[in-house]
Amino acid sequence: MAFDVFIKIKDCPGESSDDKHKDWIEVMSFALGVSQPHGGQMSATGSISGGRADFQDLNFTKLLDKSTPKLCFLCAKGEHIPEIIIELCLATGDKSKYMEYKFTQCFVTSVQTGGAAGGNDSRPVDQVSIRFGKVEWTYTEFGKDGKKKGDAKNNWSVVENKGG
């Protein structure tokens, strides 16, 4: 299934021309992970217990565009970003959103720009990393008829180490 990825960062417009994501940043690839590094420890009752979840930074790759200078500035300054939204949308049909990630208490931890002059690339790419204090996941299920069936939601506060 082909899909498109868009990211919205307040006061940091991108160059998306998609009807539903005007001025969002178009994302080429992204990665987000969580692990349980202390899992497998035995409790006094003999059961296995987990520890504090380890959330990796949100990482995404995009073409160099008008958001690049602002992202570099936000990283250099260490300025907090109240909210960042990523939407995964079907690349065909009505381009329905089927997954949304909402991050709060964010800041840019890294921006790296690179490319090969004279290569096949149309322009350089940025690799951006973002740390966050809370994440909300919302998956939208669609039936075979293409109609929305409902949402599956959860969230986690990295700061408070709890969610629901």
C-alpha atoms as a PDB file:
ATOM      1  CA  MET A   1       0.000   0.000   0.000  1.00  0.00           C
ATOM      2  CA  ALA A   2       1.508   3.305  -1.083  1.00  0.00           C
ATOM      3  CA  PHE A   3       1.301   6.114   1.449  1.00  0.00           C
ATOM      4  CA  ASP A   4       2.307   9.731   1.928  1.00  0.00           C
ATOM      5  CA  VAL A   5       3.681  11.255   5.131  1.00  0.00           C
ATOM      6  CA  PHE A   6       3.255  14.875   6.218  1.00  0.00           C
ATOM      7  CA  ILE A   7       4.486  16.681   9.321  1.00  0.00           C
ATOM      8  CA  LYS A   8       3.170  19.915  10.817  1.00  0.00           C
ATOM      9  CA  ILE A   9       5.385  22.002  13.082  1.00  0.00           C
ATOM     10  CA  LYS A  10       4.012  25.304  14.371  1.00  0.00           C
ATOM     11  CA  ASP A  11       5.611  28.366  12.720  1.00  0.00           C
ATOM     12  CA  CYS A  12       7.771  26.095  10.542  1.00  0.00           C
ATOM     13  CA  PRO A  13       5.985  25.791   7.185  1.00  0.00           C
ATOM     14  CA  GLY A  14       7.060  23.343   4.530  1.00  0.00           C
ATOM     15  CA  GLU A  15       6.335  23.234   0.835  1.00  0.00           C
ATOM     16  CA  SER A  16       3.591  20.610   0.576  1.00  0.00           C
ATOM     17  CA  SER A  17       1.037  21.396  -2.101  1.00  0.00           C
ATOM     18  CA  ASP A  18      -1.319  18.592  -1.026  1.00  0.00           C
ATOM     19  CA  ASP A  19      -4.873  19.932  -0.655  1.00  0.00           C
ATOM     20  CA  LYS A  20      -5.239  18.598   2.904  1.00  0.00           C
ATOM     21  CA  HIS A  21      -1.685  19.462   3.992  1.00  0.00           C
ATOM     22  CA  LYS A  22      -0.953  22.885   2.517  1.00  0.00           C
ATOM     23  CA  ASP A  23       2.378  24.202   3.863  1.00  0.00           C
ATOM     24  CA  TRP A  24       3.079  21.028   5.852  1.00  0.00           C
ATOM     25  CA  ILE A  25       6.484  19.366   5.469  1.00  0.00           C
ATOM     26  CA  GLU A  26       6.531  16.423   3.055  1.00  0.00           C
ATOM     27  CA  VAL A  27       8.407  13.507   4.597  1.00  0.00           C
ATOM     28  CA  MET A  28      10.371  10.936   2.589  1.00  0.00           C
ATOM     29  CA  SER A  29      10.814   8.510   5.504  1.00  0.00           C
ATOM     30  CA  PHE A  30      10.416   8.453   9.262  1.00  0.00           C
ATOM     31  CA  ALA A  31      11.201   6.240  12.247  1.00  0.00           C
ATOM     32  CA  LEU A  32       9.859   6.138  15.768  1.00  0.00           C
ATOM     33  CA  GLY A  33      10.545   3.503  18.379  1.00  0.00           C
ATOM     34  CA  VAL A  34       9.973   2.465  21.943  1.00  0.00           C
ATOM     35  CA  SER A  35      11.668  -0.320  23.851  1.00  0.00           C
ATOM     36  CA  GLN A  36      11.526  -1.859  27.297  1.00  0.00           C
ATOM     37  CA  PRO A  37      15.213  -2.114  28.261  1.00  0.00           C
ATOM     38  CA  HIS A  38      14.544  -3.384  31.783  1.00  0.00           C
ATOM     39  CA  GLY A  39      12.007  -6.002  30.752  1.00  0.00           C
ATOM     40  CA  GLY A  40      12.551  -9.506  31.959  1.00  0.00           C
ATOM     41  CA  GLN A  41      13.426  -8.695  35.562  1.00  0.00           C
ATOM     42  CA  MET A  42      11.881 -11.062  38.063  1.00  0.00           C
ATOM     43  CA  SER A  43       9.728  -9.666  40.850  1.00  0.00           C
ATOM     44  CA  ALA A  44       9.505 -11.056  44.379  1.00  0.00           C
ATOM     45  CA  THR A  45       6.430 -13.059  43.334  1.00  0.00           C
ATOM     46  CA  GLY A  46       8.266 -14.657  40.421  1.00  0.00           C
ATOM     47  CA  SER A  47       6.560 -12.712  37.644  1.00  0.00           C
ATOM     48  CA  ILE A  48       8.399 -10.731  34.998  1.00  0.00           C
ATOM     49  CA  SER A  49       8.135  -6.964  35.398  1.00  0.00           C
ATOM     50  CA  GLY A  50       9.034  -4.074  33.132  1.00  0.00           C
ATOM     51  CA  GLY A  51      10.813  -0.831  33.821  1.00  0.00           C
ATOM     52  CA  ARG A  52      10.714   2.654  32.358  1.00  0.00           C
ATOM     53  CA  ALA A  53      10.000   2.726  28.619  1.00  0.00           C
ATOM     54  CA  ASP A  54      12.805   4.027  26.405  1.00  0.00           C
ATOM     55  CA  PHE A  55      11.451   6.222  23.601  1.00  0.00           C
ATOM     56  CA  GLN A  56      13.844   6.967  20.777  1.00  0.00           C
ATOM     57  CA  ASP A  57      13.769  10.368  19.104  1.00  0.00           C
ATOM     58  CA  LEU A  58      11.382  10.837  16.211  1.00  0.00           C
ATOM     59  CA  ASN A  59      13.581  10.780  13.099  1.00  0.00           C
ATOM     60  CA  PHE A  60      12.500  11.881   9.649  1.00  0.00           C
ATOM     61  CA  THR A  61      14.074  12.569   6.273  1.00  0.00           C
ATOM     62  CA  LYS A  62      12.843  15.289   3.928  1.00  0.00           C
ATOM     63  CA  LEU A  63      14.064  17.283   0.981  1.00  0.00           C
ATOM     64  CA  LEU A  64      15.840  20.527   1.798  1.00  0.00           C
ATOM     65  CA  ASP A  65      13.110  23.195   1.663  1.00  0.00           C
ATOM     66  CA  LYS A  66      11.989  26.431   3.292  1.00  0.00           C
ATOM     67  CA  SER A  67      11.558  24.670   6.661  1.00  0.00           C
ATOM     68  CA  THR A  68      15.290  23.837   6.833  1.00  0.00           C
ATOM     69  CA  PRO A  69      16.545  27.201   8.190  1.00  0.00           C
ATOM     70  CA  LYS A  70      13.825  27.272  10.880  1.00  0.00           C
ATOM     71  CA  LEU A  71      14.532  23.686  11.950  1.00  0.00           C
ATOM     72  CA  CYS A  72      18.250  24.521  12.261  1.00  0.00           C
ATOM     73  CA  PHE A  73      17.385  27.625  14.298  1.00  0.00           C
ATOM     74  CA  LEU A  74      15.060  25.671  16.611  1.00  0.00           C
ATOM     75  CA  CYS A  75      17.795  23.096  17.173  1.00  0.00           C
ATOM     76  CA  ALA A  76      20.520  25.678  17.830  1.00  0.00           C
ATOM     77  CA  LYS A  77      18.333  27.630  20.242  1.00  0.00           C
ATOM     78  CA  GLY A  78      16.908  24.560  21.981  1.00  0.00           C
ATOM     79  CA  GLU A  79      13.482  26.149  21.701  1.00  0.00           C
ATOM     80  CA  HIS A  80      10.525  24.032  22.756  1.00  0.00           C
ATOM     81  CA  ILE A  81       7.798  23.277  20.229  1.00  0.00           C
ATOM     82  CA  PRO A  82       4.353  22.857  21.796  1.00  0.00           C
ATOM     83  CA  GLU A  83       2.990  20.345  19.266  1.00  0.00           C
ATOM     84  CA  ILE A  84       4.067  18.353  16.218  1.00  0.00           C
ATOM     85  CA  ILE A  85       1.661  16.258  14.143  1.00  0.00           C
ATOM     86  CA  ILE A  86       2.517  13.519  11.654  1.00  0.00           C
ATOM     87  CA  GLU A  87      -0.156  12.127   9.347  1.00  0.00           C
ATOM     88  CA  LEU A  88       0.122   8.980   7.237  1.00  0.00           C
ATOM     89  CA  CYS A  89      -2.299   9.074   4.320  1.00  0.00           C
ATOM     90  CA  LEU A  90      -3.175   6.710   1.511  1.00  0.00           C
ATOM     91  CA  ALA A  91      -1.433   7.871  -1.657  1.00  0.00           C
ATOM     92  CA  THR A  92      -4.439   7.063  -3.849  1.00  0.00           C
ATOM     93  CA  GLY A  93      -8.160   7.789  -3.892  1.00  0.00           C
ATOM     94  CA  ASP A  94      -9.248  10.457  -1.436  1.00  0.00           C
ATOM     95  CA  LYS A  95      -5.909  10.167   0.396  1.00  0.00           C
ATOM     96  CA  SER A  96      -7.563   9.217   3.686  1.00  0.00           C
ATOM     97  CA  LYS A  97      -5.543   9.652   6.869  1.00  0.00           C
ATOM     98  CA  TYR A  98      -5.140   6.290   8.561  1.00  0.00           C
ATOM     99  CA  MET A  99      -2.492   7.055  11.206  1.00  0.00           C
ATOM    100  CA  GLU A 100      -1.758  10.157  13.233  1.00  0.00           C
ATOM    101  CA  TYR A 101       1.044  10.779  15.702  1.00  0.00           C
ATOM    102  CA  LYS A 102       0.693  13.819  17.937  1.00  0.00           C
ATOM    103  CA  PHE A 103       3.748  14.872  19.932  1.00  0.00           C
ATOM    104  CA  THR A 104       3.863  17.529  22.652  1.00  0.00           C
ATOM    105  CA  GLN A 105       6.695  19.091  24.678  1.00  0.00           C
ATOM    106  CA  CYS A 106       9.080  18.769  21.724  1.00  0.00           C
ATOM    107  CA  PHE A 107      12.448  20.121  20.703  1.00  0.00           C
ATOM    108  CA  VAL A 108      14.747  19.505  17.741  1.00  0.00           C
ATOM    109  CA  THR A 109      17.827  17.520  18.775  1.00  0.00           C
ATOM    110  CA  SER A 110      19.561  17.280  15.390  1.00  0.00           C
ATOM    111  CA  VAL A 111      19.408  18.536  11.796  1.00  0.00           C
ATOM    112  CA  GLN A 112      21.831  17.092   9.256  1.00  0.00           C
ATOM    113  CA  THR A 113      21.805  18.157   5.604  1.00  0.00           C
ATOM    114  CA  GLY A 114      23.588  16.228   2.886  1.00  0.00           C
ATOM    115  CA  GLY A 115      23.636  15.303  -0.754  1.00  0.00           C
ATOM    116  CA  ALA A 116      25.892  14.591  -3.689  1.00  0.00           C
ATOM    117  CA  ALA A 117      26.600  17.388  -6.161  1.00  0.00           C
ATOM    118  CA  GLY A 118      26.074  16.295  -9.729  1.00  0.00           C
ATOM    119  CA  GLY A 119      24.288  13.159  -8.579  1.00  0.00           C
ATOM    120  CA  ASN A 120      20.846  11.950  -9.485  1.00  0.00           C
ATOM    121  CA  ASP A 121      19.296  13.635  -6.453  1.00  0.00           C
ATOM    122  CA  SER A 122      17.222  16.671  -7.293  1.00  0.00           C
ATOM    123  CA  ARG A 123      18.418  18.451  -4.155  1.00  0.00           C
ATOM    124  CA  PRO A 124      19.979  17.710  -0.755  1.00  0.00           C
ATOM    125  CA  VAL A 125      18.045  16.020   2.030  1.00  0.00           C
ATOM    126  CA  ASP A 126      17.652  16.841   5.713  1.00  0.00           C
ATOM    127  CA  GLN A 127      17.681  14.246   8.468  1.00  0.00           C
ATOM    128  CA  VAL A 128      15.871  15.651  11.498  1.00  0.00           C
ATOM    129  CA  SER A 129      15.586  14.249  15.040  1.00  0.00           C
ATOM    130  CA  ILE A 130      13.040  15.410  17.593  1.00  0.00           C
ATOM    131  CA  ARG A 131      12.701  14.609  21.288  1.00  0.00           C
ATOM    132  CA  PHE A 132       9.230  14.721  22.809  1.00  0.00           C
ATOM    133  CA  GLY A 133       7.531  14.570  26.199  1.00  0.00           C
ATOM    134  CA  LYS A 134       4.281  12.906  25.143  1.00  0.00           C
ATOM    135  CA  VAL A 135       3.009  10.949  22.159  1.00  0.00           C
ATOM    136  CA  GLU A 136      -0.546  10.105  21.106  1.00  0.00           C
ATOM    137  CA  TRP A 137      -1.186   7.378  18.535  1.00  0.00           C
ATOM    138  CA  THR A 138      -4.443   7.292  16.557  1.00  0.00           C
ATOM    139  CA  TYR A 139      -5.040   4.590  13.963  1.00  0.00           C
ATOM    140  CA  THR A 140      -8.156   4.841  11.794  1.00  0.00           C
ATOM    141  CA  GLU A 141      -9.579   1.584  10.488  1.00  0.00           C
ATOM    142  CA  PHE A 142     -11.345   1.488   7.134  1.00  0.00           C
ATOM    143  CA  GLY A 143     -13.657  -1.218   5.827  1.00  0.00           C
ATOM    144  CA  LYS A 144     -13.337  -2.900   2.450  1.00  0.00           C
ATOM    145  CA  ASP A 145     -15.913  -0.394   1.197  1.00  0.00           C
ATOM    146  CA  GLY A 146     -13.518   2.443   2.059  1.00  0.00           C
ATOM    147  CA  LYS A 147     -15.704   3.804   4.860  1.00  0.00           C
ATOM    148  CA  LYS A 148     -14.244   4.708   8.236  1.00  0.00           C
ATOM    149  CA  LYS A 149     -14.933   2.037  10.872  1.00  0.00           C
ATOM    150  CA  GLY A 150     -13.405   3.684  13.927  1.00  0.00           C
ATOM    151  CA  ASP A 151     -10.254   4.763  15.724  1.00  0.00           C
ATOM    152  CA  ALA A 152      -7.807   2.933  17.978  1.00  0.00           C
ATOM    153  CA  LYS A 153      -6.056   5.387  20.335  1.00  0.00           C
ATOM    154  CA  ASN A 154      -3.413   5.351  23.030  1.00  0.00           C
ATOM    155  CA  ASN A 155      -0.943   7.814  24.513  1.00  0.00           C
ATOM    156  CA  TRP A 156       2.160   7.866  26.657  1.00  0.00           C
ATOM    157  CA  SER A 157       3.817  10.607  28.674  1.00  0.00           C
ATOM    158  CA  VAL A 158       7.561  10.080  28.564  1.00  0.00           C
ATOM    159  CA  VAL A 159       7.938  12.685  31.310  1.00  0.00           C
ATOM    160  CA  GLU A 160       5.474  11.034  33.722  1.00  0.00           C
ATOM    161  CA  ASN A 161       6.106   7.460  32.510  1.00  0.00           C
ATOM    162  CA  LYS A 162       2.411   6.696  32.222  1.00  0.00           C
ATOM    163  CA  GLY A 163      -0.328   6.664  29.630  1.00  0.00           C
ATOM    164  CA  GLY A 164      -3.636   5.276  28.594  1.00  0.00           C
END
